[in-house]
Amino acid sequence: MTDTSRRAALVTGSASGIGKAAALRLAAAGYDVAINYSRSADRAKETLDELNALGGSHLALQADVSDEDAVRGMVSQVSAAYGRLDALVNNAGTTSETPPDDLDGVSLDEWDRVFAVNVRGLFQVTRAAAPLLRAAGGSVVNVASIVGLRPGPQPLAYAASKAAVVSLTRTLSRVLAPEVRVNAVAPGWIAGEWMERTLGDNYERLMARRAQWTPMQRNVTLEDVAESILSLLESNPFVTGETIVIDGGYTATS
């Protein structure tokens, strides 16, 4: 029988990375968590096992967030399992492999795929989840990026899509008010596999330099981002429409 007294959360793109870290932090805080993945079934299973070790009732749901039918099916499964939704973390995202300065190398198919997942997907999941969120007086956190606010070493389509996430956060905060708050996080350079792919052979050197130039004297971790997501979900009752930069002060001082 479903325990509708426990808070429930849905975290998209949560088989690994920021999504996984957020899901684990939410579970540790007492949420039942539905994680979502598109293709990474093995990783999702590993993450689900880690969630179950923390107690509670957790789900792993396969859905491509760019597919509206799949999204609505996923949200229906969340509703059937928990009867409520208190927190939505829109983390699902993808990027292209084209270097940021290669204007002519950008494939329009690749561009469309990035926007389908990062922007349309966020919108579709939020719209499908809105009735449950409104009923629970819930909260949404979207995962943007520092390159959505200022230039950085990320492909053009990815950077533009994250700027759109920042804009959508503001718009959705008005549309879903007053029942639902909508905010975003914009992480800086996170130590780990995403920046390893982005920076390639320069990873160690550039990350060390970034840490040196950061007031907090280190780079962002996945756990830093997860903690900020939880704080926005739970501890900021009159904050909505905002994008919180998580980079140890680098952007503010450089």
C-alpha atoms as a PDB file:
ATOM      1  CA  MET A   1       0.000   0.000   0.000  1.00  0.00           C
ATOM      2  CA  THR A   2       1.334   3.447  -0.935  1.00  0.00           C
ATOM      3  CA  ASP A   3       2.456   5.610   1.994  1.00  0.00           C
ATOM      4  CA  THR A   4       1.215   9.011   0.837  1.00  0.00           C
ATOM      5  CA  SER A   5       2.597  10.680   3.958  1.00  0.00           C
ATOM      6  CA  ARG A   6       6.175  10.428   2.667  1.00  0.00           C
ATOM      7  CA  ARG A   7       7.443  13.095   0.309  1.00  0.00           C
ATOM      8  CA  ALA A   8       8.127  12.016  -3.256  1.00  0.00           C
ATOM      9  CA  ALA A   9      10.592  13.307  -5.844  1.00  0.00           C
ATOM     10  CA  LEU A  10      11.268  12.768  -9.536  1.00  0.00           C
ATOM     11  CA  VAL A  11      14.798  13.361 -10.827  1.00  0.00           C
ATOM     12  CA  THR A  12      15.314  13.146 -14.574  1.00  0.00           C
ATOM     13  CA  GLY A  13      18.586  12.002 -16.094  1.00  0.00           C
ATOM     14  CA  SER A  14      19.614  10.478 -12.798  1.00  0.00           C
ATOM     15  CA  ALA A  15      21.481   7.277 -13.590  1.00  0.00           C
ATOM     16  CA  SER A  16      24.749   9.135 -13.026  1.00  0.00           C
ATOM     17  CA  GLY A  17      26.303  12.561 -12.485  1.00  0.00           C
ATOM     18  CA  ILE A  18      24.351  15.454 -10.969  1.00  0.00           C
ATOM     19  CA  GLY A  19      21.072  13.574 -11.216  1.00  0.00           C
ATOM     20  CA  LYS A  20      22.376  10.607  -9.267  1.00  0.00           C
ATOM     21  CA  ALA A  21      23.927  12.827  -6.599  1.00  0.00           C
ATOM     22  CA  ALA A  22      20.647  14.740  -6.242  1.00  0.00           C
ATOM     23  CA  ALA A  23      18.600  11.538  -6.024  1.00  0.00           C
ATOM     24  CA  LEU A  24      20.835  10.120  -3.283  1.00  0.00           C
ATOM     25  CA  ARG A  25      20.720  13.383  -1.332  1.00  0.00           C
ATOM     26  CA  LEU A  26      16.931  13.489  -1.557  1.00  0.00           C
ATOM     27  CA  ALA A  27      16.641   9.885  -0.409  1.00  0.00           C
ATOM     28  CA  ALA A  28      18.923  10.631   2.530  1.00  0.00           C
ATOM     29  CA  ALA A  29      16.607  13.529   3.402  1.00  0.00           C
ATOM     30  CA  GLY A  30      13.600  11.212   3.547  1.00  0.00           C
ATOM     31  CA  TYR A  31      12.136  11.364   0.047  1.00  0.00           C
ATOM     32  CA  ASP A  32      10.899   8.448  -2.005  1.00  0.00           C
ATOM     33  CA  VAL A  33      12.692   9.019  -5.308  1.00  0.00           C
ATOM     34  CA  ALA A  34      11.838   8.068  -8.854  1.00  0.00           C
ATOM     35  CA  ILE A  35      14.950   8.202 -10.993  1.00  0.00           C
ATOM     36  CA  ASN A  36      14.783   8.461 -14.764  1.00  0.00           C
ATOM     37  CA  TYR A  37      17.094   7.291 -17.511  1.00  0.00           C
ATOM     38  CA  SER A  38      16.986   7.072 -21.288  1.00  0.00           C
ATOM     39  CA  ARG A  39      19.626   4.484 -22.255  1.00  0.00           C
ATOM     40  CA  SER A  40      21.826   3.844 -19.201  1.00  0.00           C
ATOM     41  CA  ALA A  41      19.897   0.895 -17.765  1.00  0.00           C
ATOM     42  CA  ASP A  42      22.894  -0.666 -16.007  1.00  0.00           C
ATOM     43  CA  ARG A  43      23.866   2.584 -14.326  1.00  0.00           C
ATOM     44  CA  ALA A  44      20.266   3.226 -13.336  1.00  0.00           C
ATOM     45  CA  LYS A  45      20.123  -0.208 -11.691  1.00  0.00           C
ATOM     46  CA  GLU A  46      23.276   0.589  -9.707  1.00  0.00           C
ATOM     47  CA  THR A  47      21.835   3.923  -8.607  1.00  0.00           C
ATOM     48  CA  LEU A  48      18.547   2.283  -7.627  1.00  0.00           C
ATOM     49  CA  ASP A  49      20.437  -0.221  -5.494  1.00  0.00           C
ATOM     50  CA  GLU A  50      22.209   2.651  -3.708  1.00  0.00           C
ATOM     51  CA  LEU A  51      18.893   4.407  -3.123  1.00  0.00           C
ATOM     52  CA  ASN A  52      17.287   1.274  -1.729  1.00  0.00           C
ATOM     53  CA  ALA A  53      20.179   0.893   0.699  1.00  0.00           C
ATOM     54  CA  LEU A  54      19.127   4.225   2.216  1.00  0.00           C
ATOM     55  CA  GLY A  55      15.580   2.994   2.881  1.00  0.00           C
ATOM     56  CA  GLY A  56      12.315   4.198   1.401  1.00  0.00           C
ATOM     57  CA  SER A  57      10.529   3.232  -1.793  1.00  0.00           C
ATOM     58  CA  HIS A  58      12.341   4.088  -5.005  1.00  0.00           C
ATOM     59  CA  LEU A  59      11.782   3.568  -8.732  1.00  0.00           C
ATOM     60  CA  ALA A  60      13.880   3.550 -11.911  1.00  0.00           C
ATOM     61  CA  LEU A  61      11.820   4.678 -14.914  1.00  0.00           C
ATOM     62  CA  GLN A  62      12.975   4.571 -18.525  1.00  0.00           C
ATOM     63  CA  ALA A  63      11.830   7.509 -20.657  1.00  0.00           C
ATOM     64  CA  ASP A  64      13.326   9.808 -23.253  1.00  0.00           C
ATOM     65  CA  VAL A  65      12.253  13.228 -21.975  1.00  0.00           C
ATOM     66  CA  SER A  66      12.004  14.530 -25.546  1.00  0.00           C
ATOM     67  CA  ASP A  67       9.165  12.032 -26.163  1.00  0.00           C
ATOM     68  CA  GLU A  68       5.939  13.474 -24.738  1.00  0.00           C
ATOM     69  CA  ASP A  69       4.089  10.145 -24.611  1.00  0.00           C
ATOM     70  CA  ALA A  70       7.002   8.611 -22.698  1.00  0.00           C
ATOM     71  CA  VAL A  71       7.057  11.584 -20.324  1.00  0.00           C
ATOM     72  CA  ARG A  72       3.359  11.362 -19.561  1.00  0.00           C
ATOM     73  CA  GLY A  73       3.702   7.629 -18.995  1.00  0.00           C
ATOM     74  CA  MET A  74       6.581   8.238 -16.584  1.00  0.00           C
ATOM     75  CA  VAL A  75       4.632  10.814 -14.574  1.00  0.00           C
ATOM     76  CA  SER A  76       1.631   8.466 -14.469  1.00  0.00           C
ATOM     77  CA  GLN A  77       3.879   5.792 -12.961  1.00  0.00           C
ATOM     78  CA  VAL A  78       5.089   8.262 -10.333  1.00  0.00           C
ATOM     79  CA  SER A  79       1.493   9.164  -9.486  1.00  0.00           C
ATOM     80  CA  ALA A  80       0.475   5.519  -9.236  1.00  0.00           C
ATOM     81  CA  ALA A  81       3.439   4.661  -7.016  1.00  0.00           C
ATOM     82  CA  TYR A  82       3.380   7.629  -4.634  1.00  0.00           C
ATOM     83  CA  GLY A  83       0.082   9.459  -5.062  1.00  0.00           C
ATOM     84  CA  ARG A  84       1.941  12.766  -4.848  1.00  0.00           C
ATOM     85  CA  LEU A  85       4.956  14.679  -6.124  1.00  0.00           C
ATOM     86  CA  ASP A  86       6.714  17.198  -3.901  1.00  0.00           C
ATOM     87  CA  ALA A  87       9.926  17.769  -5.813  1.00  0.00           C
ATOM     88  CA  LEU A  88      10.961  17.725  -9.451  1.00  0.00           C
ATOM     89  CA  VAL A  89      14.582  18.014 -10.522  1.00  0.00           C
ATOM     90  CA  ASN A  90      14.931  18.557 -14.273  1.00  0.00           C
ATOM     91  CA  ASN A  91      18.446  17.314 -14.871  1.00  0.00           C
ATOM     92  CA  ALA A  92      18.199  15.249 -18.072  1.00  0.00           C
ATOM     93  CA  GLY A  93      20.516  16.722 -20.662  1.00  0.00           C
ATOM     94  CA  THR A  94      22.772  16.024 -23.585  1.00  0.00           C
ATOM     95  CA  THR A  95      25.413  17.874 -25.557  1.00  0.00           C
ATOM     96  CA  SER A  96      27.127  17.780 -28.923  1.00  0.00           C
ATOM     97  CA  GLU A  97      30.720  16.923 -29.710  1.00  0.00           C
ATOM     98  CA  THR A  98      31.381  19.930 -31.957  1.00  0.00           C
ATOM     99  CA  PRO A  99      34.045  22.289 -30.508  1.00  0.00           C
ATOM    100  CA  PRO A 100      32.580  25.626 -29.373  1.00  0.00           C
ATOM    101  CA  ASP A 101      34.484  27.660 -31.990  1.00  0.00           C
ATOM    102  CA  ASP A 102      33.587  25.426 -34.934  1.00  0.00           C
ATOM    103  CA  LEU A 103      30.637  27.373 -36.313  1.00  0.00           C
ATOM    104  CA  ASP A 104      30.534  25.530 -39.642  1.00  0.00           C
ATOM    105  CA  GLY A 105      30.862  22.150 -37.994  1.00  0.00           C
ATOM    106  CA  VAL A 106      27.560  22.354 -36.107  1.00  0.00           C
ATOM    107  CA  SER A 107      25.115  19.736 -37.355  1.00  0.00           C
ATOM    108  CA  LEU A 108      21.536  20.978 -37.347  1.00  0.00           C
ATOM    109  CA  ASP A 109      20.314  17.493 -36.447  1.00  0.00           C
ATOM    110  CA  GLU A 110      22.656  17.563 -33.464  1.00  0.00           C
ATOM    111  CA  TRP A 111      21.465  21.057 -32.553  1.00  0.00           C
ATOM    112  CA  ASP A 112      17.831  19.944 -32.666  1.00  0.00           C
ATOM    113  CA  ARG A 113      18.543  16.893 -30.508  1.00  0.00           C
ATOM    114  CA  VAL A 114      20.243  18.997 -27.820  1.00  0.00           C
ATOM    115  CA  PHE A 115      17.279  21.374 -27.684  1.00  0.00           C
ATOM    116  CA  ALA A 116      14.765  18.508 -27.781  1.00  0.00           C
ATOM    117  CA  VAL A 117      16.243  17.004 -24.626  1.00  0.00           C
ATOM    118  CA  ASN A 118      17.534  20.042 -22.720  1.00  0.00           C
ATOM    119  CA  VAL A 119      14.706  22.489 -23.393  1.00  0.00           C
ATOM    120  CA  ARG A 120      11.613  20.760 -24.763  1.00  0.00           C
ATOM    121  CA  GLY A 121      12.198  17.826 -22.425  1.00  0.00           C
ATOM    122  CA  LEU A 122      12.330  20.093 -19.389  1.00  0.00           C
ATOM    123  CA  PHE A 123       9.117  21.793 -20.482  1.00  0.00           C
ATOM    124  CA  GLN A 124       7.310  18.511 -21.176  1.00  0.00           C
ATOM    125  CA  VAL A 125       8.243  16.952 -17.836  1.00  0.00           C
ATOM    126  CA  THR A 126       7.280  20.071 -15.901  1.00  0.00           C
ATOM    127  CA  ARG A 127       3.950  20.399 -17.704  1.00  0.00           C
ATOM    128  CA  ALA A 128       3.089  16.739 -17.142  1.00  0.00           C
ATOM    129  CA  ALA A 129       4.050  16.933 -13.466  1.00  0.00           C
ATOM    130  CA  ALA A 130       2.343  20.289 -12.803  1.00  0.00           C
ATOM    131  CA  PRO A 131      -0.973  18.913 -11.437  1.00  0.00           C
ATOM    132  CA  LEU A 132       0.822  16.705  -8.907  1.00  0.00           C
ATOM    133  CA  LEU A 133       3.215  19.495  -7.940  1.00  0.00           C
ATOM    134  CA  ARG A 134       0.396  21.998  -7.488  1.00  0.00           C
ATOM    135  CA  ALA A 135      -1.574  19.569  -5.327  1.00  0.00           C
ATOM    136  CA  ALA A 136       1.441  19.026  -3.073  1.00  0.00           C
ATOM    137  CA  GLY A 137       2.629  22.648  -3.008  1.00  0.00           C
ATOM    138  CA  GLY A 138       5.846  21.306  -4.493  1.00  0.00           C
ATOM    139  CA  SER A 139       9.014  22.770  -5.897  1.00  0.00           C
ATOM    140  CA  VAL A 140      11.051  22.463  -9.092  1.00  0.00           C
ATOM    141  CA  VAL A 141      14.787  22.824  -9.605  1.00  0.00           C
ATOM    142  CA  ASN A 142      16.149  22.945 -13.137  1.00  0.00           C
ATOM    143  CA  VAL A 143      19.785  22.163 -13.830  1.00  0.00           C
ATOM    144  CA  ALA A 144      21.244  24.898 -16.019  1.00  0.00           C
ATOM    145  CA  SER A 145      24.961  25.640 -16.366  1.00  0.00           C
ATOM    146  CA  ILE A 146      27.343  28.510 -15.950  1.00  0.00           C
ATOM    147  CA  VAL A 147      27.642  28.575 -19.758  1.00  0.00           C
ATOM    148  CA  GLY A 148      23.975  29.519 -19.881  1.00  0.00           C
ATOM    149  CA  LEU A 149      24.974  32.775 -18.196  1.00  0.00           C
ATOM    150  CA  ARG A 150      28.417  33.504 -19.655  1.00  0.00           C
ATOM    151  CA  PRO A 151      30.639  32.056 -22.401  1.00  0.00           C
ATOM    152  CA  GLY A 152      32.608  28.903 -21.660  1.00  0.00           C
ATOM    153  CA  PRO A 153      34.292  25.904 -23.299  1.00  0.00           C
ATOM    154  CA  GLN A 154      31.050  24.131 -24.204  1.00  0.00           C
ATOM    155  CA  PRO A 155      29.474  23.476 -27.623  1.00  0.00           C
ATOM    156  CA  LEU A 156      27.239  26.199 -29.014  1.00  0.00           C
ATOM    157  CA  ALA A 157      24.035  24.166 -28.899  1.00  0.00           C
ATOM    158  CA  TYR A 158      24.616  23.151 -25.281  1.00  0.00           C
ATOM    159  CA  ALA A 159      25.363  26.704 -24.132  1.00  0.00           C
ATOM    160  CA  ALA A 160      22.325  28.099 -25.933  1.00  0.00           C
ATOM    161  CA  SER A 161      20.086  25.385 -24.513  1.00  0.00           C
ATOM    162  CA  LYS A 162      21.197  26.164 -20.979  1.00  0.00           C
ATOM    163  CA  ALA A 163      20.475  29.859 -21.531  1.00  0.00           C
ATOM    164  CA  ALA A 164      16.986  28.734 -22.533  1.00  0.00           C
ATOM    165  CA  VAL A 165      16.729  26.759 -19.276  1.00  0.00           C
ATOM    166  CA  VAL A 166      17.471  29.942 -17.326  1.00  0.00           C
ATOM    167  CA  SER A 167      14.746  31.784 -19.248  1.00  0.00           C
ATOM    168  CA  LEU A 168      12.238  28.941 -18.837  1.00  0.00           C
ATOM    169  CA  THR A 169      12.910  28.893 -15.103  1.00  0.00           C
ATOM    170  CA  ARG A 170      11.790  32.504 -14.838  1.00  0.00           C
ATOM    171  CA  THR A 171       8.726  31.972 -17.035  1.00  0.00           C
ATOM    172  CA  LEU A 172       7.619  28.779 -15.297  1.00  0.00           C
ATOM    173  CA  SER A 173       8.021  30.397 -11.881  1.00  0.00           C
ATOM    174  CA  ARG A 174       5.263  32.822 -12.890  1.00  0.00           C
ATOM    175  CA  VAL A 175       3.065  30.241 -14.603  1.00  0.00           C
ATOM    176  CA  LEU A 176       3.131  27.781 -11.687  1.00  0.00           C
ATOM    177  CA  ALA A 177       2.877  30.354  -8.897  1.00  0.00           C
ATOM    178  CA  PRO A 178       1.744  30.558  -6.184  1.00  0.00           C
ATOM    179  CA  GLU A 179       1.511  26.824  -5.501  1.00  0.00           C
ATOM    180  CA  VAL A 180       4.855  25.784  -7.003  1.00  0.00           C
ATOM    181  CA  ARG A 181       8.274  27.432  -6.801  1.00  0.00           C
ATOM    182  CA  VAL A 182      10.655  27.046  -9.753  1.00  0.00           C
ATOM    183  CA  ASN A 183      14.385  27.748  -9.482  1.00  0.00           C
ATOM    184  CA  ALA A 184      17.573  26.641 -11.206  1.00  0.00           C
ATOM    185  CA  VAL A 185      21.173  25.869 -10.386  1.00  0.00           C
ATOM    186  CA  ALA A 186      24.052  26.834 -12.661  1.00  0.00           C
ATOM    187  CA  PRO A 187      27.111  24.783 -11.715  1.00  0.00           C
ATOM    188  CA  GLY A 188      30.594  25.829 -12.736  1.00  0.00           C
ATOM    189  CA  TRP A 189      33.283  23.368 -13.757  1.00  0.00           C
ATOM    190  CA  ILE A 190      32.482  20.131 -11.935  1.00  0.00           C
ATOM    191  CA  ALA A 191      35.377  17.795 -11.316  1.00  0.00           C
ATOM    192  CA  GLY A 192      34.641  14.497 -13.072  1.00  0.00           C
ATOM    193  CA  GLU A 193      33.837  12.791 -16.340  1.00  0.00           C
ATOM    194  CA  TRP A 194      31.788  15.578 -17.985  1.00  0.00           C
ATOM    195  CA  MET A 195      34.666  18.075 -17.803  1.00  0.00           C
ATOM    196  CA  GLU A 196      37.144  15.325 -18.677  1.00  0.00           C
ATOM    197  CA  ARG A 197      35.300  14.893 -21.973  1.00  0.00           C
ATOM    198  CA  THR A 198      35.054  18.644 -22.493  1.00  0.00           C
ATOM    199  CA  LEU A 199      38.680  19.521 -21.738  1.00  0.00           C
ATOM    200  CA  GLY A 200      40.343  16.339 -22.994  1.00  0.00           C
ATOM    201  CA  ASP A 201      44.100  16.210 -22.436  1.00  0.00           C
ATOM    202  CA  ASN A 202      44.003  19.641 -20.804  1.00  0.00           C
ATOM    203  CA  TYR A 203      41.693  18.479 -18.014  1.00  0.00           C
ATOM    204  CA  GLU A 204      44.178  18.266 -15.128  1.00  0.00           C
ATOM    205  CA  ARG A 205      45.978  21.506 -15.995  1.00  0.00           C
ATOM    206  CA  LEU A 206      42.874  23.601 -16.597  1.00  0.00           C
ATOM    207  CA  MET A 207      40.968  22.265 -13.598  1.00  0.00           C
ATOM    208  CA  ALA A 208      43.948  22.995 -11.351  1.00  0.00           C
ATOM    209  CA  ARG A 209      44.152  26.534 -12.710  1.00  0.00           C
ATOM    210  CA  ARG A 210      40.409  27.009 -12.248  1.00  0.00           C
ATOM    211  CA  ALA A 211      40.659  25.896  -8.611  1.00  0.00           C
ATOM    212  CA  GLN A 212      43.562  28.270  -8.028  1.00  0.00           C
ATOM    213  CA  TRP A 213      41.509  31.202  -9.349  1.00  0.00           C
ATOM    214  CA  THR A 214      38.412  30.249  -7.326  1.00  0.00           C
ATOM    215  CA  PRO A 215      37.996  31.993  -3.942  1.00  0.00           C
ATOM    216  CA  MET A 216      37.073  28.672  -2.317  1.00  0.00           C
ATOM    217  CA  GLN A 217      40.297  27.195  -3.730  1.00  0.00           C
ATOM    218  CA  ARG A 218      38.732  24.087  -5.246  1.00  0.00           C
ATOM    219  CA  ASN A 219      36.375  23.047  -8.016  1.00  0.00           C
ATOM    220  CA  VAL A 220      32.700  22.177  -7.711  1.00  0.00           C
ATOM    221  CA  THR A 221      31.732  18.626  -6.782  1.00  0.00           C
ATOM    222  CA  LEU A 222      28.549  16.709  -7.543  1.00  0.00           C
ATOM    223  CA  GLU A 223      27.769  16.756  -3.833  1.00  0.00           C
ATOM    224  CA  ASP A 224      27.978  20.577  -3.796  1.00  0.00           C
ATOM    225  CA  VAL A 225      25.347  20.752  -6.514  1.00  0.00           C
ATOM    226  CA  ALA A 226      23.096  18.176  -4.849  1.00  0.00           C
ATOM    227  CA  GLU A 227      23.200  20.102  -1.571  1.00  0.00           C
ATOM    228  CA  SER A 228      22.197  23.320  -3.317  1.00  0.00           C
ATOM    229  CA  ILE A 229      19.351  21.535  -5.112  1.00  0.00           C
ATOM    230  CA  LEU A 230      18.003  20.205  -1.804  1.00  0.00           C
ATOM    231  CA  SER A 231      18.276  23.650  -0.236  1.00  0.00           C
ATOM    232  CA  LEU A 232      16.275  25.257  -3.053  1.00  0.00           C
ATOM    233  CA  LEU A 233      13.639  22.543  -2.792  1.00  0.00           C
ATOM    234  CA  GLU A 234      13.212  22.772   0.969  1.00  0.00           C
ATOM    235  CA  SER A 235      14.740  25.824   2.606  1.00  0.00           C
ATOM    236  CA  ASN A 236      13.875  28.854   0.485  1.00  0.00           C
ATOM    237  CA  PRO A 237      10.097  29.306   0.795  1.00  0.00           C
ATOM    238  CA  PHE A 238      10.011  32.781  -0.782  1.00  0.00           C
ATOM    239  CA  VAL A 239      12.619  32.274  -3.512  1.00  0.00           C
ATOM    240  CA  THR A 240      11.375  31.529  -7.011  1.00  0.00           C
ATOM    241  CA  GLY A 241      12.484  32.309 -10.554  1.00  0.00           C
ATOM    242  CA  GLU A 242      16.128  32.462  -9.516  1.00  0.00           C
ATOM    243  CA  THR A 243      19.246  30.779 -10.903  1.00  0.00           C
ATOM    244  CA  ILE A 244      21.868  30.029  -8.265  1.00  0.00           C
ATOM    245  CA  VAL A 245      25.477  29.917  -9.457  1.00  0.00           C
ATOM    246  CA  ILE A 246      27.508  27.147  -7.818  1.00  0.00           C
ATOM    247  CA  ASP A 247      31.163  27.806  -8.563  1.00  0.00           C
ATOM    248  CA  GLY A 248      32.838  28.801  -5.310  1.00  0.00           C
ATOM    249  CA  GLY A 249      32.812  32.486  -6.222  1.00  0.00           C
ATOM    250  CA  TYR A 250      34.723  32.162  -9.501  1.00  0.00           C
ATOM    251  CA  THR A 251      32.149  34.007 -11.633  1.00  0.00           C
ATOM    252  CA  ALA A 252      31.592  36.713  -9.033  1.00  0.00           C
ATOM    253  CA  THR A 253      35.281  37.550  -8.759  1.00  0.00           C
ATOM    254  CA  SER A 254      36.808  36.854 -12.169  1.00  0.00           C
END
